[in-house]
Protein backbone atom coordinates (compact mmCIF):
# COMPACT_ATOMS: atom_id res chain seq x y z
CA MET A 1 18.24 3.45 35.85
CA THR A 2 15.90 0.88 33.13
CA THR A 3 17.55 -1.15 30.16
CA ASN A 4 16.59 -2.43 26.97
CA PRO A 5 16.89 -5.81 26.30
CA GLY A 6 17.83 -6.88 23.22
CA ASN A 7 17.27 -5.15 19.88
CA VAL A 8 13.60 -3.72 21.21
CA ARG A 9 12.94 -0.49 19.88
CA ALA A 10 11.02 1.35 22.79
CA GLY A 11 7.48 2.72 21.72
CA VAL A 12 7.98 0.33 18.67
CA PRO A 13 4.77 -1.92 18.18
CA ALA A 14 5.33 -5.16 17.99
CA TRP A 15 3.39 -5.62 15.00
CA ASP A 16 5.89 -2.70 13.76
CA ARG A 17 8.95 -4.76 14.40
CA LEU A 18 7.82 -7.78 12.68
CA LEU A 19 7.12 -5.53 9.37
CA ASN A 20 10.37 -4.35 9.29
CA SER A 21 12.33 -7.40 10.80
CA GLY A 22 14.95 -8.74 8.92
CA PRO A 23 12.96 -12.31 7.12
CA ALA A 24 9.96 -9.58 6.30
CA ARG A 25 12.55 -7.49 4.67
CA ALA A 26 14.13 -10.99 2.43
CA LEU A 27 10.39 -11.72 1.61
CA SER A 28 9.52 -8.54 0.35
CA PHE A 29 13.26 -7.66 -1.20
CA SER A 30 12.82 -11.29 -3.14
CA ALA A 31 8.77 -11.44 -4.91
CA ALA A 32 9.94 -7.69 -6.21
CA GLY A 33 13.21 -9.22 -7.59
CA LEU A 34 11.12 -12.42 -8.97
CA PHE A 35 8.08 -9.91 -10.14
CA CYS A 36 10.36 -7.91 -11.79
CA LEU A 37 12.65 -11.07 -13.54
CA VAL A 38 9.29 -12.54 -14.25
CA LEU A 39 7.95 -9.52 -16.08
CA ILE A 40 11.66 -9.09 -17.87
CA GLY A 41 11.91 -12.62 -19.26
CA PHE A 42 8.72 -13.75 -20.61
CA PRO A 43 7.46 -10.09 -21.50
CA GLN A 44 4.13 -12.60 -22.98
CA LEU A 45 2.58 -13.73 -19.64
CA VAL A 46 1.40 -9.91 -19.41
CA ILE A 47 -0.65 -9.87 -23.03
CA THR A 48 -3.06 -12.86 -22.87
CA ASP A 49 -4.56 -13.72 -26.15
CA GLY A 50 -2.75 -10.94 -28.59
CA ARG A 51 -4.74 -8.28 -26.66
CA PRO A 52 -2.62 -5.25 -24.71
CA PRO A 53 -2.15 -6.07 -21.28
CA ASN A 54 -4.02 -4.24 -18.60
CA HIS A 55 -2.54 -1.37 -17.62
CA GLY A 56 -4.36 -0.83 -14.20
CA ILE A 57 -3.14 -4.25 -12.85
CA LEU A 58 0.01 -3.95 -14.77
CA LEU A 59 0.97 -0.07 -12.57
CA LEU A 60 -0.43 -1.47 -9.47
CA GLY A 61 2.10 -4.61 -10.08
CA LEU A 62 4.67 -2.31 -10.88
CA TRP A 63 3.44 -0.02 -7.64
CA GLY A 64 3.97 -3.13 -5.73
CA MET A 65 7.40 -4.16 -6.97
CA ALA A 66 8.47 -0.57 -6.18
CA ALA A 67 7.52 -0.65 -2.44
CA GLY A 68 9.16 -4.26 -2.22
CA PHE A 69 12.76 -3.03 -3.32
CA VAL A 70 12.04 -0.22 -1.24
CA HIS A 71 11.06 -1.69 1.86
CA GLY A 72 13.43 -4.83 1.37
CA ILE A 73 16.58 -2.00 1.24
CA GLY A 74 15.64 -1.12 4.45
CA PHE A 75 14.19 2.62 3.72
CA ILE A 76 11.48 3.73 5.59
CA PRO A 77 9.55 7.09 4.24
CA ARG A 78 9.38 9.97 7.06
CA HIS A 79 5.76 11.25 5.58
CA ARG A 80 3.08 8.72 6.60
CA LEU A 81 0.92 8.47 3.83
CA VAL A 82 4.01 7.61 2.17
CA ARG A 83 5.59 5.29 4.20
CA LEU A 84 2.25 3.16 4.03
CA ALA A 85 2.31 4.05 -0.28
CA LEU A 86 6.22 2.25 0.23
CA GLY A 87 5.09 -0.68 2.99
CA PRO A 88 5.17 -4.57 3.22
CA LEU A 89 1.84 -5.02 2.83
CA ALA A 90 1.22 -2.72 0.23
CA ALA A 91 3.96 -4.51 -1.98
CA TRP A 92 2.90 -7.74 -0.96
CA LEU A 93 -0.30 -6.95 -1.52
CA LEU A 94 0.68 -5.33 -4.74
CA ILE A 95 2.87 -8.18 -5.92
CA GLY A 96 0.63 -10.74 -5.02
CA LEU A 97 -2.15 -8.59 -7.32
CA GLY A 98 0.26 -8.87 -10.53
CA ALA A 99 1.23 -12.61 -10.35
CA ALA A 100 -2.21 -13.19 -10.17
CA ALA A 101 -2.92 -10.59 -13.33
CA MET A 102 -0.28 -12.39 -15.31
CA ALA A 103 -1.40 -16.55 -14.13
CA GLY A 104 -4.22 -15.83 -16.21
CA PRO A 105 -8.70 -15.13 -15.84
């Protein structure tokens, strides 16, 4: 009889356990929430010098925000491509890209 110490899931790599841990989920949810609050509270940040916003960068930031909320609540899609598109790495990268774009040139 084999035992499973702690909550180690059999066959799941350590990096996957780390990315789906509580602190990683809290980071995703917090970053997505903060990004959302900044966009709603300060929409002038996406408009620079009176020009319309870069919709491509804004779309990527919103995708990152959605991925952050999906990962933050603990949902894990079954399809591999969707899991990658809505996973923590995509969320963090795209929220960072959106935040950097809002910070200015």
